[in-house]
């Protein structure tokens, strides 16, 4: 389960994103890298998000 403010990965990637908003079974996320090219919020299904392991 992920919540607003959590850092997550997309199932198929290695880039980290921060959850900005959750609406039903979708979340709005944005890259955690401040200088990522084309950094912008976008919507993904919650099922596609994996919490970042804090260790």
C-alpha atoms as a PDB file:
ATOM      1  CA  UNK A   1       0.000   0.000   0.000  1.00  0.00           C
ATOM      2  CA  UNK A   2       1.279   3.454  -0.846  1.00  0.00           C
ATOM      3  CA  UNK A   3       0.206   6.832   0.471  1.00  0.00           C
ATOM      4  CA  UNK A   4       0.604  10.519  -0.354  1.00  0.00           C
ATOM      5  CA  UNK A   5       4.229  11.565   0.160  1.00  0.00           C
ATOM      6  CA  UNK A   6       5.620   8.035  -0.264  1.00  0.00           C
ATOM      7  CA  UNK A   7       8.529   7.404  -2.610  1.00  0.00           C
ATOM      8  CA  UNK A   8       7.734   4.705  -5.149  1.00  0.00           C
ATOM      9  CA  UNK A   9       9.066   2.947  -8.231  1.00  0.00           C
ATOM     10  CA  UNK A  10       7.088   2.046 -11.303  1.00  0.00           C
ATOM     11  CA  UNK A  11       6.961  -1.753 -11.584  1.00  0.00           C
ATOM     12  CA  UNK A  12       9.206  -1.785 -14.670  1.00  0.00           C
ATOM     13  CA  UNK A  13      11.681   0.968 -13.762  1.00  0.00           C
ATOM     14  CA  UNK A  14      14.368   2.197 -11.432  1.00  0.00           C
ATOM     15  CA  UNK A  15      13.483   5.909 -11.266  1.00  0.00           C
ATOM     16  CA  UNK A  16      11.938   7.100  -8.005  1.00  0.00           C
ATOM     17  CA  UNK A  17       8.731   9.101  -7.840  1.00  0.00           C
ATOM     18  CA  UNK A  18       6.833  10.834  -5.030  1.00  0.00           C
ATOM     19  CA  UNK A  19       3.092  10.269  -4.691  1.00  0.00           C
ATOM     20  CA  UNK A  20       1.368  13.657  -4.830  1.00  0.00           C
ATOM     21  CA  UNK A  21      -2.266  12.575  -4.784  1.00  0.00           C
ATOM     22  CA  UNK A  22      -4.392   9.430  -4.732  1.00  0.00           C
ATOM     23  CA  UNK A  23      -7.776   9.321  -6.430  1.00  0.00           C
ATOM     24  CA  UNK A  24      -9.493   5.940  -6.333  1.00  0.00           C
ATOM     25  CA  UNK A  25      -7.188   3.388  -7.939  1.00  0.00           C
ATOM     26  CA  UNK A  26      -4.910   6.009  -9.556  1.00  0.00           C
ATOM     27  CA  UNK A  27      -2.106   8.175  -8.171  1.00  0.00           C
ATOM     28  CA  UNK A  28      -0.478  11.368  -9.401  1.00  0.00           C
ATOM     29  CA  UNK A  29       3.305  11.039  -9.121  1.00  0.00           C
ATOM     30  CA  UNK A  30       6.351  13.181  -9.931  1.00  0.00           C
ATOM     31  CA  UNK A  31      10.048  12.358 -10.186  1.00  0.00           C
ATOM     32  CA  UNK A  32      12.053  12.815  -6.977  1.00  0.00           C
ATOM     33  CA  UNK A  33      15.062  13.959  -9.027  1.00  0.00           C
ATOM     34  CA  UNK A  34      14.891  17.782  -9.048  1.00  0.00           C
ATOM     35  CA  UNK A  35      16.665  18.197 -12.411  1.00  0.00           C
ATOM     36  CA  UNK A  36      15.025  15.313 -14.290  1.00  0.00           C
ATOM     37  CA  UNK A  37      14.443  16.341 -17.915  1.00  0.00           C
ATOM     38  CA  UNK A  38      10.758  16.830 -18.565  1.00  0.00           C
ATOM     39  CA  UNK A  39       9.911  16.532 -14.856  1.00  0.00           C
ATOM     40  CA  UNK A  40       6.144  16.823 -14.506  1.00  0.00           C
ATOM     41  CA  UNK A  41       3.351  15.127 -12.536  1.00  0.00           C
ATOM     42  CA  UNK A  42       1.502  12.295 -14.267  1.00  0.00           C
ATOM     43  CA  UNK A  43      -1.146   9.717 -13.386  1.00  0.00           C
ATOM     44  CA  UNK A  44      -0.532   5.976 -12.995  1.00  0.00           C
ATOM     45  CA  UNK A  45      -2.539   3.053 -11.634  1.00  0.00           C
ATOM     46  CA  UNK A  46      -1.768   2.257  -7.989  1.00  0.00           C
ATOM     47  CA  UNK A  47      -1.189  -1.364  -9.016  1.00  0.00           C
ATOM     48  CA  UNK A  48       1.872  -0.194 -11.012  1.00  0.00           C
ATOM     49  CA  UNK A  49       3.609   1.351  -7.989  1.00  0.00           C
ATOM     50  CA  UNK A  50       6.082  -0.374  -5.685  1.00  0.00           C
ATOM     51  CA  UNK A  51       7.185   1.306  -2.427  1.00  0.00           C
ATOM     52  CA  UNK A  52      10.887   2.199  -2.287  1.00  0.00           C
ATOM     53  CA  UNK A  53      12.754   0.032   0.218  1.00  0.00           C
ATOM     54  CA  UNK A  54      14.044   2.507   2.841  1.00  0.00           C
ATOM     55  CA  UNK A  55      17.124   0.416   3.623  1.00  0.00           C
END
